Amino acid sequence: MRAVATACRLIEYKGIFRFLEAAKISRSTNTVFLIAGQGGLRPAIERFIHENGLSGKVKLAGYVTDMERLYAVCDVIVLCSDCEGMPYLLLEAMRAKCPVVATAVPGNKELISQDRGMLVKPAAASIAAAIDELLADEQKQRRYAENAYAHFCRHHTLEKQVSKLAQVYRSCISARHRNYAKAEFCTE
């Protein structure tokens, strides 16, 4: 059994129905599609699963507190959003060495390049095709996972993130002091 998962708030812009449609049209056999998360769309998602006969193929995990355990059982992580800022799902997947399929939208494009995962159109058919391609090619899965992990280690460890944030704060403080000094000298 193989596992393809997404994790997000169950809200419209996260593209959860694209994920469900991709599960429906995926040609990969012996594969379960997992959805981790909570939100207002859960009743509609449950209805979609029931109406499309996907109860044996799609599982709702609800709120997951141990994401490491989820990553450990996944063959592919998918993010179907319309837009993202800094998508933690992708960062965590990269750290866990999980291959990724993500929509080619702002936020996702900054993290995933063609050597670190698969960026696709925000359409169910494109997502399903990418999932099927990755599941059929273990060598590609490993290559993407290793490249993504190396990128994560170079740019997104906790230490690097804290250092970048501290630099932003220092820059803001410095600019604020300059503005105060200008105001002090220019208003008299």
N, C-alpha and C. Protein backbone atom coordinates (compact mmCIF):
# COMPACT_ATOMS: atom_id res chain seq x y z
N MET A 1 0.84 -1.19 0.00
CA MET A 1 0.00 0.00 0.00
C MET A 1 0.88 1.24 0.00
N ARG A 2 0.57 2.17 -0.90
CA ARG A 2 1.28 3.45 -0.94
C ARG A 2 0.37 4.54 -0.40
N ALA A 3 0.99 5.62 0.07
CA ALA A 3 0.22 6.71 0.65
C ALA A 3 0.62 8.05 0.03
N VAL A 4 -0.40 8.81 -0.34
CA VAL A 4 -0.25 10.17 -0.84
C VAL A 4 -1.03 11.04 0.13
N ALA A 5 -0.42 12.11 0.62
CA ALA A 5 -1.10 12.90 1.64
C ALA A 5 -1.02 14.39 1.37
N THR A 6 -2.00 15.07 1.92
CA THR A 6 -1.96 16.52 2.02
C THR A 6 -2.35 16.87 3.44
N ALA A 7 -1.91 18.02 3.91
CA ALA A 7 -2.26 18.49 5.25
C ALA A 7 -2.49 19.98 5.16
N CYS A 8 -3.67 20.41 5.60
CA CYS A 8 -3.99 21.83 5.51
C CYS A 8 -5.28 22.12 6.27
N ARG A 9 -5.56 23.40 6.45
CA ARG A 9 -6.87 23.79 6.93
C ARG A 9 -7.84 23.47 5.81
N LEU A 10 -8.97 22.95 6.14
CA LEU A 10 -9.95 22.56 5.12
C LEU A 10 -10.78 23.78 4.74
N ILE A 11 -10.13 24.66 3.97
CA ILE A 11 -10.75 25.89 3.49
C ILE A 11 -10.53 25.98 1.98
N GLU A 12 -11.29 26.83 1.33
CA GLU A 12 -11.36 26.84 -0.13
C GLU A 12 -10.02 27.04 -0.83
N TYR A 13 -9.24 28.06 -0.46
CA TYR A 13 -8.04 28.37 -1.24
C TYR A 13 -6.95 27.30 -1.14
N LYS A 14 -7.10 26.34 -0.24
CA LYS A 14 -6.11 25.27 -0.12
C LYS A 14 -6.26 24.22 -1.22
N GLY A 15 -7.31 24.32 -2.04
CA GLY A 15 -7.45 23.43 -3.19
C GLY A 15 -7.75 21.99 -2.84
N ILE A 16 -8.43 21.77 -1.73
CA ILE A 16 -8.66 20.41 -1.26
C ILE A 16 -9.52 19.61 -2.25
N PHE A 17 -10.43 20.27 -2.96
CA PHE A 17 -11.25 19.54 -3.94
C PHE A 17 -10.43 19.16 -5.16
N ARG A 18 -9.37 19.90 -5.46
CA ARG A 18 -8.43 19.47 -6.51
C ARG A 18 -7.75 18.17 -6.10
N PHE A 19 -7.36 18.11 -4.82
CA PHE A 19 -6.74 16.90 -4.30
C PHE A 19 -7.70 15.72 -4.42
N LEU A 20 -8.96 15.95 -4.05
CA LEU A 20 -9.97 14.88 -4.13
C LEU A 20 -10.21 14.45 -5.58
N GLU A 21 -10.30 15.40 -6.49
CA GLU A 21 -10.46 15.07 -7.91
C GLU A 21 -9.24 14.31 -8.42
N ALA A 22 -8.05 14.72 -7.99
CA ALA A 22 -6.82 14.02 -8.39
C ALA A 22 -6.85 12.58 -7.88
N ALA A 23 -7.31 12.38 -6.65
CA ALA A 23 -7.43 11.02 -6.11
C ALA A 23 -8.41 10.20 -6.95
N LYS A 24 -9.47 10.84 -7.36
CA LYS A 24 -10.50 10.17 -8.16
C LYS A 24 -9.96 9.71 -9.52
N ILE A 25 -9.14 10.54 -10.16
CA ILE A 25 -8.68 10.21 -11.51
C ILE A 25 -7.29 9.57 -11.55
N SER A 26 -6.62 9.50 -10.41
CA SER A 26 -5.30 8.88 -10.37
C SER A 26 -5.39 7.43 -10.84
N ARG A 27 -4.40 7.02 -11.61
CA ARG A 27 -4.35 5.64 -12.11
C ARG A 27 -3.50 4.73 -11.23
N SER A 28 -2.92 5.31 -10.20
CA SER A 28 -2.08 4.51 -9.30
C SER A 28 -2.97 3.57 -8.48
N THR A 29 -2.60 2.31 -8.53
CA THR A 29 -3.37 1.32 -7.78
C THR A 29 -2.74 1.10 -6.42
N ASN A 30 -3.49 0.49 -5.54
CA ASN A 30 -3.00 0.18 -4.20
C ASN A 30 -2.46 1.42 -3.49
N THR A 31 -3.18 2.53 -3.64
CA THR A 31 -2.76 3.81 -3.08
C THR A 31 -3.90 4.41 -2.28
N VAL A 32 -3.58 4.89 -1.09
CA VAL A 32 -4.54 5.60 -0.26
C VAL A 32 -4.17 7.08 -0.26
N PHE A 33 -5.17 7.93 -0.35
CA PHE A 33 -5.00 9.38 -0.33
C PHE A 33 -5.46 9.87 1.03
N LEU A 34 -4.54 10.46 1.79
CA LEU A 34 -4.81 10.92 3.15
C LEU A 34 -4.98 12.43 3.20
N ILE A 35 -5.96 12.87 3.96
CA ILE A 35 -6.16 14.30 4.18
C ILE A 35 -6.08 14.56 5.68
N ALA A 36 -5.06 15.33 6.07
CA ALA A 36 -4.91 15.72 7.47
C ALA A 36 -5.32 17.17 7.61
N GLY A 37 -6.19 17.43 8.57
CA GLY A 37 -6.60 18.80 8.80
C GLY A 37 -8.05 18.91 9.21
N GLN A 38 -8.40 20.11 9.67
CA GLN A 38 -9.76 20.40 10.08
C GLN A 38 -10.20 21.69 9.40
N GLY A 39 -11.51 21.90 9.38
CA GLY A 39 -12.01 23.15 8.83
C GLY A 39 -13.44 23.02 8.37
N GLY A 40 -13.97 24.15 7.94
CA GLY A 40 -15.36 24.24 7.58
C GLY A 40 -15.79 23.42 6.38
N LEU A 41 -14.86 23.01 5.54
CA LEU A 41 -15.23 22.22 4.36
C LEU A 41 -15.37 20.73 4.64
N ARG A 42 -15.11 20.30 5.86
CA ARG A 42 -15.15 18.86 6.14
C ARG A 42 -16.47 18.20 5.74
N PRO A 43 -17.64 18.76 6.06
CA PRO A 43 -18.89 18.10 5.63
C PRO A 43 -18.99 17.97 4.10
N ALA A 44 -18.58 18.99 3.37
CA ALA A 44 -18.61 18.93 1.91
C ALA A 44 -17.62 17.89 1.38
N ILE A 45 -16.48 17.79 2.03
CA ILE A 45 -15.47 16.79 1.65
C ILE A 45 -16.01 15.38 1.89
N GLU A 46 -16.61 15.18 3.04
CA GLU A 46 -17.20 13.87 3.34
C GLU A 46 -18.27 13.51 2.32
N ARG A 47 -19.09 14.49 1.93
CA ARG A 47 -20.12 14.27 0.92
C ARG A 47 -19.50 13.88 -0.42
N PHE A 48 -18.45 14.62 -0.81
CA PHE A 48 -17.76 14.34 -2.08
C PHE A 48 -17.21 12.92 -2.09
N ILE A 49 -16.57 12.54 -1.00
CA ILE A 49 -16.00 11.19 -0.89
C ILE A 49 -17.10 10.14 -1.04
N HIS A 50 -18.20 10.33 -0.34
CA HIS A 50 -19.31 9.38 -0.40
C HIS A 50 -19.94 9.33 -1.80
N GLU A 51 -20.24 10.50 -2.37
CA GLU A 51 -20.93 10.58 -3.67
C GLU A 51 -20.07 10.05 -4.82
N ASN A 52 -18.76 10.06 -4.66
CA ASN A 52 -17.86 9.61 -5.72
C ASN A 52 -17.26 8.24 -5.45
N GLY A 53 -17.77 7.55 -4.45
CA GLY A 53 -17.31 6.20 -4.16
C GLY A 53 -15.84 6.12 -3.79
N LEU A 54 -15.35 7.11 -3.06
CA LEU A 54 -13.92 7.18 -2.73
C LEU A 54 -13.61 6.76 -1.30
N SER A 55 -14.59 6.22 -0.59
CA SER A 55 -14.35 5.91 0.83
C SER A 55 -13.26 4.85 1.02
N GLY A 56 -13.02 4.01 0.06
CA GLY A 56 -11.94 3.03 0.17
C GLY A 56 -10.59 3.59 -0.26
N LYS A 57 -10.61 4.76 -0.91
CA LYS A 57 -9.38 5.33 -1.47
C LYS A 57 -8.91 6.58 -0.74
N VAL A 58 -9.85 7.35 -0.16
CA VAL A 58 -9.52 8.60 0.52
C VAL A 58 -9.87 8.48 1.99
N LYS A 59 -8.93 8.85 2.84
CA LYS A 59 -9.13 8.78 4.30
C LYS A 59 -8.93 10.17 4.90
N LEU A 60 -9.84 10.55 5.79
CA LEU A 60 -9.72 11.81 6.52
C LEU A 60 -9.09 11.53 7.87
N ALA A 61 -7.93 12.11 8.10
CA ALA A 61 -7.19 11.87 9.34
C ALA A 61 -7.55 12.88 10.42
N GLY A 62 -8.23 13.96 10.06
CA GLY A 62 -8.51 15.00 11.04
C GLY A 62 -7.24 15.75 11.41
N TYR A 63 -7.28 16.38 12.57
CA TYR A 63 -6.12 17.14 13.04
C TYR A 63 -5.02 16.16 13.46
N VAL A 64 -3.85 16.31 12.90
CA VAL A 64 -2.72 15.42 13.19
C VAL A 64 -1.70 16.17 14.03
N THR A 65 -1.40 15.64 15.20
CA THR A 65 -0.42 16.29 16.07
C THR A 65 1.00 15.81 15.80
N ASP A 66 1.15 14.62 15.27
CA ASP A 66 2.47 14.05 15.01
C ASP A 66 2.70 13.96 13.50
N MET A 67 3.05 15.10 12.92
CA MET A 67 3.25 15.14 11.47
C MET A 67 4.43 14.28 11.03
N GLU A 68 5.42 14.13 11.88
CA GLU A 68 6.57 13.28 11.53
C GLU A 68 6.10 11.86 11.22
N ARG A 69 5.15 11.39 11.97
CA ARG A 69 4.60 10.04 11.74
C ARG A 69 3.89 9.98 10.39
N LEU A 70 3.17 11.05 10.05
CA LEU A 70 2.50 11.10 8.75
C LEU A 70 3.53 11.07 7.62
N TYR A 71 4.57 11.91 7.73
CA TYR A 71 5.61 11.94 6.69
C TYR A 71 6.29 10.58 6.55
N ALA A 72 6.45 9.88 7.65
CA ALA A 72 7.14 8.59 7.63
C ALA A 72 6.38 7.54 6.81
N VAL A 73 5.07 7.68 6.71
CA VAL A 73 4.30 6.66 5.96
C VAL A 73 3.95 7.12 4.54
N CYS A 74 4.32 8.36 4.19
CA CYS A 74 3.92 8.90 2.89
C CYS A 74 4.96 8.65 1.80
N ASP A 75 4.44 8.35 0.63
CA ASP A 75 5.29 8.24 -0.55
C ASP A 75 5.37 9.57 -1.29
N VAL A 76 4.31 10.37 -1.19
CA VAL A 76 4.26 11.68 -1.84
C VAL A 76 3.43 12.62 -0.97
N ILE A 77 3.89 13.86 -0.83
CA ILE A 77 3.13 14.92 -0.17
C ILE A 77 2.65 15.88 -1.26
N VAL A 78 1.39 16.30 -1.14
CA VAL A 78 0.79 17.15 -2.17
C VAL A 78 0.25 18.43 -1.53
N LEU A 79 0.50 19.56 -2.19
CA LEU A 79 -0.07 20.84 -1.77
C LEU A 79 -0.73 21.46 -2.99
N CYS A 80 -2.05 21.62 -2.93
CA CYS A 80 -2.87 22.03 -4.08
C CYS A 80 -3.35 23.47 -4.00
N SER A 81 -2.76 24.30 -3.19
CA SER A 81 -3.24 25.65 -2.91
C SER A 81 -3.28 26.56 -4.12
N ASP A 82 -4.13 27.60 -4.00
CA ASP A 82 -4.19 28.68 -4.99
C ASP A 82 -3.04 29.66 -4.78
N CYS A 83 -2.58 29.79 -3.53
CA CYS A 83 -1.43 30.64 -3.21
C CYS A 83 -0.95 30.26 -1.81
N GLU A 84 0.29 30.59 -1.53
CA GLU A 84 0.89 30.31 -0.23
C GLU A 84 1.85 31.44 0.10
N GLY A 85 2.18 31.58 1.37
CA GLY A 85 3.22 32.51 1.79
C GLY A 85 4.52 31.73 1.87
N MET A 86 4.75 31.12 3.02
CA MET A 86 5.87 30.22 3.22
C MET A 86 5.25 28.90 3.67
N PRO A 87 5.00 28.00 2.73
CA PRO A 87 4.25 26.78 3.05
C PRO A 87 5.03 25.80 3.92
N TYR A 88 4.64 25.76 5.20
CA TYR A 88 5.31 24.88 6.15
C TYR A 88 5.18 23.42 5.77
N LEU A 89 4.06 23.05 5.15
CA LEU A 89 3.91 21.65 4.73
C LEU A 89 5.07 21.26 3.82
N LEU A 90 5.41 22.12 2.89
CA LEU A 90 6.52 21.80 1.98
C LEU A 90 7.85 21.79 2.71
N LEU A 91 8.07 22.76 3.60
CA LEU A 91 9.32 22.77 4.37
C LEU A 91 9.46 21.50 5.21
N GLU A 92 8.38 21.12 5.87
CA GLU A 92 8.42 19.90 6.69
C GLU A 92 8.63 18.66 5.84
N ALA A 93 7.99 18.61 4.69
CA ALA A 93 8.17 17.47 3.78
C ALA A 93 9.62 17.41 3.30
N MET A 94 10.19 18.56 2.99
CA MET A 94 11.58 18.59 2.55
C MET A 94 12.49 18.07 3.65
N ARG A 95 12.25 18.52 4.88
CA ARG A 95 13.06 18.07 6.02
C ARG A 95 12.90 16.57 6.24
N ALA A 96 11.70 16.04 6.00
CA ALA A 96 11.42 14.62 6.21
C ALA A 96 11.79 13.76 5.00
N LYS A 97 12.34 14.38 3.97
CA LYS A 97 12.74 13.68 2.74
C LYS A 97 11.55 13.00 2.06
N CYS A 98 10.44 13.72 1.99
CA CYS A 98 9.26 13.23 1.26
C CYS A 98 9.20 13.96 -0.08
N PRO A 99 9.04 13.22 -1.16
CA PRO A 99 8.88 13.89 -2.46
C PRO A 99 7.57 14.68 -2.49
N VAL A 100 7.59 15.78 -3.24
CA VAL A 100 6.49 16.74 -3.22
C VAL A 100 5.93 16.98 -4.61
N VAL A 101 4.59 17.10 -4.66
CA VAL A 101 3.88 17.65 -5.82
C VAL A 101 3.17 18.88 -5.29
N ALA A 102 3.36 20.02 -5.95
CA ALA A 102 2.74 21.27 -5.50
C ALA A 102 2.28 22.08 -6.70
N THR A 103 1.22 22.83 -6.49
CA THR A 103 0.75 23.71 -7.54
C THR A 103 1.77 24.83 -7.76
N ALA A 104 1.93 25.22 -9.01
CA ALA A 104 2.91 26.24 -9.38
C ALA A 104 2.32 27.62 -9.13
N VAL A 105 2.24 27.98 -7.85
CA VAL A 105 1.68 29.26 -7.43
C VAL A 105 2.69 29.94 -6.51
N PRO A 106 2.53 31.27 -6.30
CA PRO A 106 3.45 31.96 -5.39
C PRO A 106 3.55 31.24 -4.05
N GLY A 107 4.72 31.23 -3.49
CA GLY A 107 4.99 30.52 -2.24
C GLY A 107 5.55 29.14 -2.54
N ASN A 108 4.79 28.33 -3.25
CA ASN A 108 5.26 27.00 -3.63
C ASN A 108 6.43 27.10 -4.61
N LYS A 109 6.32 28.03 -5.58
CA LYS A 109 7.37 28.16 -6.59
C LYS A 109 8.70 28.60 -5.99
N GLU A 110 8.65 29.31 -4.87
CA GLU A 110 9.88 29.76 -4.24
C GLU A 110 10.62 28.61 -3.55
N LEU A 111 9.93 27.56 -3.19
CA LEU A 111 10.55 26.43 -2.50
C LEU A 111 10.85 25.24 -3.41
N ILE A 112 9.95 24.96 -4.32
CA ILE A 112 10.06 23.75 -5.13
C ILE A 112 10.46 24.12 -6.55
N SER A 113 11.61 23.64 -6.95
CA SER A 113 12.02 23.78 -8.34
C SER A 113 11.93 22.39 -8.96
N GLN A 114 12.16 22.30 -10.23
CA GLN A 114 11.98 21.01 -10.90
C GLN A 114 12.98 19.95 -10.43
N ASP A 115 14.03 20.33 -9.74
CA ASP A 115 14.95 19.31 -9.21
C ASP A 115 14.66 18.96 -7.75
N ARG A 116 13.65 19.64 -7.15
CA ARG A 116 13.32 19.38 -5.74
C ARG A 116 11.89 18.90 -5.56
N GLY A 117 11.19 18.66 -6.63
CA GLY A 117 9.80 18.24 -6.56
C GLY A 117 9.14 18.56 -7.88
N MET A 118 7.83 18.38 -7.92
CA MET A 118 7.11 18.64 -9.15
C MET A 118 6.13 19.79 -8.95
N LEU A 119 6.31 20.84 -9.75
CA LEU A 119 5.36 21.94 -9.77
C LEU A 119 4.42 21.71 -10.94
N VAL A 120 3.12 21.84 -10.68
CA VAL A 120 2.12 21.56 -11.71
C VAL A 120 1.08 22.66 -11.74
N LYS A 121 0.30 22.68 -12.83
CA LYS A 121 -0.82 23.60 -12.93
C LYS A 121 -1.81 23.29 -11.81
N PRO A 122 -2.52 24.30 -11.34
CA PRO A 122 -3.54 24.04 -10.31
C PRO A 122 -4.79 23.42 -10.93
N ALA A 123 -4.63 22.20 -11.42
CA ALA A 123 -5.73 21.46 -12.04
C ALA A 123 -5.61 20.00 -11.61
N ALA A 124 -6.73 19.37 -11.33
CA ALA A 124 -6.74 17.99 -10.84
C ALA A 124 -6.00 17.04 -11.77
N ALA A 125 -6.19 17.19 -13.08
CA ALA A 125 -5.54 16.28 -14.03
C ALA A 125 -4.02 16.39 -13.95
N SER A 126 -3.50 17.61 -13.81
CA SER A 126 -2.05 17.81 -13.70
C SER A 126 -1.52 17.23 -12.39
N ILE A 127 -2.27 17.42 -11.32
CA ILE A 127 -1.86 16.90 -10.02
C ILE A 127 -1.85 15.37 -10.04
N ALA A 128 -2.90 14.77 -10.58
CA ALA A 128 -2.99 13.31 -10.65
C ALA A 128 -1.87 12.74 -11.50
N ALA A 129 -1.58 13.38 -12.64
CA ALA A 129 -0.51 12.89 -13.52
C ALA A 129 0.84 12.94 -12.81
N ALA A 130 1.10 14.01 -12.07
CA ALA A 130 2.37 14.13 -11.34
C ALA A 130 2.47 13.08 -10.23
N ILE A 131 1.38 12.87 -9.51
CA ILE A 131 1.36 11.84 -8.46
C ILE A 131 1.66 10.48 -9.08
N ASP A 132 0.97 10.16 -10.16
CA ASP A 132 1.16 8.87 -10.82
C ASP A 132 2.60 8.71 -11.32
N GLU A 133 3.15 9.78 -11.88
CA GLU A 133 4.53 9.74 -12.37
C GLU A 133 5.51 9.48 -11.24
N LEU A 134 5.34 10.17 -10.13
CA LEU A 134 6.25 9.97 -9.00
C LEU A 134 6.11 8.58 -8.39
N LEU A 135 4.88 8.12 -8.23
CA LEU A 135 4.68 6.78 -7.65
C LEU A 135 5.26 5.68 -8.53
N ALA A 136 5.33 5.93 -9.82
CA ALA A 136 5.86 4.94 -10.76
C ALA A 136 7.38 4.96 -10.85
N ASP A 137 8.04 5.95 -10.25
CA ASP A 137 9.48 6.12 -10.42
C ASP A 137 10.16 6.36 -9.07
N GLU A 138 10.56 5.28 -8.40
CA GLU A 138 11.19 5.40 -7.08
C GLU A 138 12.51 6.16 -7.14
N GLN A 139 13.23 6.04 -8.25
CA GLN A 139 14.49 6.77 -8.39
C GLN A 139 14.24 8.28 -8.40
N LYS A 140 13.19 8.71 -9.09
CA LYS A 140 12.84 10.13 -9.12
C LYS A 140 12.39 10.58 -7.73
N GLN A 141 11.64 9.75 -7.04
CA GLN A 141 11.22 10.07 -5.67
C GLN A 141 12.44 10.34 -4.80
N ARG A 142 13.41 9.43 -4.85
CA ARG A 142 14.62 9.58 -4.02
C ARG A 142 15.41 10.83 -4.41
N ARG A 143 15.56 11.07 -5.72
CA ARG A 143 16.33 12.23 -6.18
C ARG A 143 15.68 13.53 -5.71
N TYR A 144 14.38 13.65 -5.90
CA TYR A 144 13.69 14.86 -5.45
C TYR A 144 13.79 15.02 -3.94
N ALA A 145 13.60 13.94 -3.21
CA ALA A 145 13.65 14.00 -1.75
C ALA A 145 15.04 14.43 -1.27
N GLU A 146 16.08 13.87 -1.84
CA GLU A 146 17.45 14.23 -1.43
C GLU A 146 17.78 15.67 -1.80
N ASN A 147 17.42 16.09 -3.01
CA ASN A 147 17.67 17.47 -3.42
C ASN A 147 16.91 18.47 -2.55
N ALA A 148 15.65 18.15 -2.24
CA ALA A 148 14.85 19.03 -1.39
C ALA A 148 15.43 19.10 0.01
N TYR A 149 15.87 17.96 0.53
CA TYR A 149 16.47 17.94 1.87
C TYR A 149 17.75 18.78 1.91
N ALA A 150 18.58 18.65 0.90
CA ALA A 150 19.82 19.44 0.83
C ALA A 150 19.49 20.94 0.78
N HIS A 151 18.49 21.32 0.00
CA HIS A 151 18.07 22.72 -0.08
C HIS A 151 17.56 23.20 1.28
N PHE A 152 16.75 22.36 1.92
CA PHE A 152 16.24 22.71 3.25
C PHE A 152 17.41 22.97 4.21
N CYS A 153 18.38 22.07 4.22
CA CYS A 153 19.53 22.21 5.14
C CYS A 153 20.35 23.47 4.84
N ARG A 154 20.45 23.83 3.57
CA ARG A 154 21.23 25.02 3.20
C ARG A 154 20.49 26.32 3.53
N HIS A 155 19.16 26.31 3.46
CA HIS A 155 18.44 27.58 3.52
C HIS A 155 17.35 27.71 4.59
N HIS A 156 16.87 26.62 5.15
CA HIS A 156 15.66 26.72 5.96
C HIS A 156 15.72 26.04 7.33
N THR A 157 16.90 25.77 7.84
CA THR A 157 16.96 25.20 9.19
C THR A 157 16.48 26.27 10.18
N LEU A 158 16.18 25.85 11.38
CA LEU A 158 15.72 26.78 12.41
C LEU A 158 16.74 27.90 12.63
N GLU A 159 18.01 27.54 12.69
CA GLU A 159 19.05 28.54 12.92
C GLU A 159 19.08 29.57 11.79
N LYS A 160 18.94 29.11 10.56
CA LYS A 160 18.96 30.04 9.42
C LYS A 160 17.71 30.92 9.42
N GLN A 161 16.57 30.36 9.76
CA GLN A 161 15.34 31.14 9.81
C GLN A 161 15.41 32.20 10.90
N VAL A 162 15.91 31.84 12.07
CA VAL A 162 16.05 32.80 13.17
C VAL A 162 17.02 33.90 12.77
N SER A 163 18.12 33.53 12.14
CA SER A 163 19.11 34.52 11.70
C SER A 163 18.49 35.49 10.69
N LYS A 164 17.72 34.98 9.73
CA LYS A 164 17.07 35.85 8.74
C LYS A 164 16.06 36.78 9.41
N LEU A 165 15.29 36.26 10.35
CA LEU A 165 14.30 37.07 11.05
C LEU A 165 14.99 38.15 11.89
N ALA A 166 16.07 37.79 12.55
CA ALA A 166 16.82 38.77 13.35
C ALA A 166 17.35 39.88 12.45
N GLN A 167 17.80 39.54 11.26
CA GLN A 167 18.29 40.54 10.31
C GLN A 167 17.17 41.49 9.90
N VAL A 168 15.97 40.97 9.69
CA VAL A 168 14.82 41.81 9.35
C VAL A 168 14.54 42.78 10.48
N TYR A 169 14.54 42.28 11.73
CA TYR A 169 14.30 43.15 12.89
C TYR A 169 15.38 44.23 13.01
N ARG A 170 16.64 43.82 12.83
CA ARG A 170 17.73 44.80 12.91
C ARG A 170 17.55 45.89 11.85
N SER A 171 17.18 45.50 10.67
CA SER A 171 16.97 46.44 9.58
C SER A 171 15.82 47.41 9.90
N CYS A 172 14.74 46.88 10.45
CA CYS A 172 13.59 47.73 10.83
C CYS A 172 13.97 48.70 11.93
N ILE A 173 14.69 48.23 12.92
CA ILE A 173 15.11 49.08 14.04
C ILE A 173 16.03 50.18 13.54
N SER A 174 16.95 49.82 12.67
CA SER A 174 17.89 50.80 12.12
C SER A 174 17.14 51.86 11.32
N ALA A 175 16.18 51.46 10.52
CA ALA A 175 15.40 52.41 9.72
C ALA A 175 14.58 53.32 10.63
N ARG A 176 14.03 52.75 11.68
CA ARG A 176 13.22 53.55 12.62
C ARG A 176 14.07 54.60 13.30
N HIS A 177 15.29 54.23 13.71
CA HIS A 177 16.19 55.20 14.35
C HIS A 177 16.56 56.32 13.38
N ARG A 178 16.78 55.99 12.12
CA ARG A 178 17.10 57.01 11.11
C ARG A 178 15.93 57.98 10.95
N ASN A 179 14.71 57.43 10.92
CA ASN A 179 13.53 58.28 10.77
C ASN A 179 13.35 59.21 11.97
N TYR A 180 13.60 58.69 13.18
CA TYR A 180 13.51 59.53 14.37
C TYR A 180 14.55 60.65 14.32
N ALA A 181 15.74 60.30 13.90
CA ALA A 181 16.80 61.30 13.83
C ALA A 181 16.44 62.37 12.80
N LYS A 182 15.91 61.99 11.65
CA LYS A 182 15.49 62.96 10.63
C LYS A 182 14.41 63.87 11.19
N ALA A 183 13.45 63.28 11.87
CA ALA A 183 12.35 64.07 12.42
C ALA A 183 12.86 65.07 13.44
N GLU A 184 13.82 64.64 14.23
CA GLU A 184 14.38 65.50 15.27
C GLU A 184 15.10 66.71 14.66
N PHE A 185 15.88 66.49 13.60
CA PHE A 185 16.66 67.56 13.01
C PHE A 185 15.88 68.37 11.99
N CYS A 186 14.88 67.80 11.38
CA CYS A 186 14.19 68.48 10.29
C CYS A 186 12.94 69.23 10.73
N THR A 187 12.52 69.09 11.95
CA THR A 187 11.27 69.74 12.39
C THR A 187 11.52 71.02 13.16
N GLU A 188 12.73 71.30 13.49
CA GLU A 188 12.98 72.53 14.28
C GLU A 188 13.35 73.68 13.44
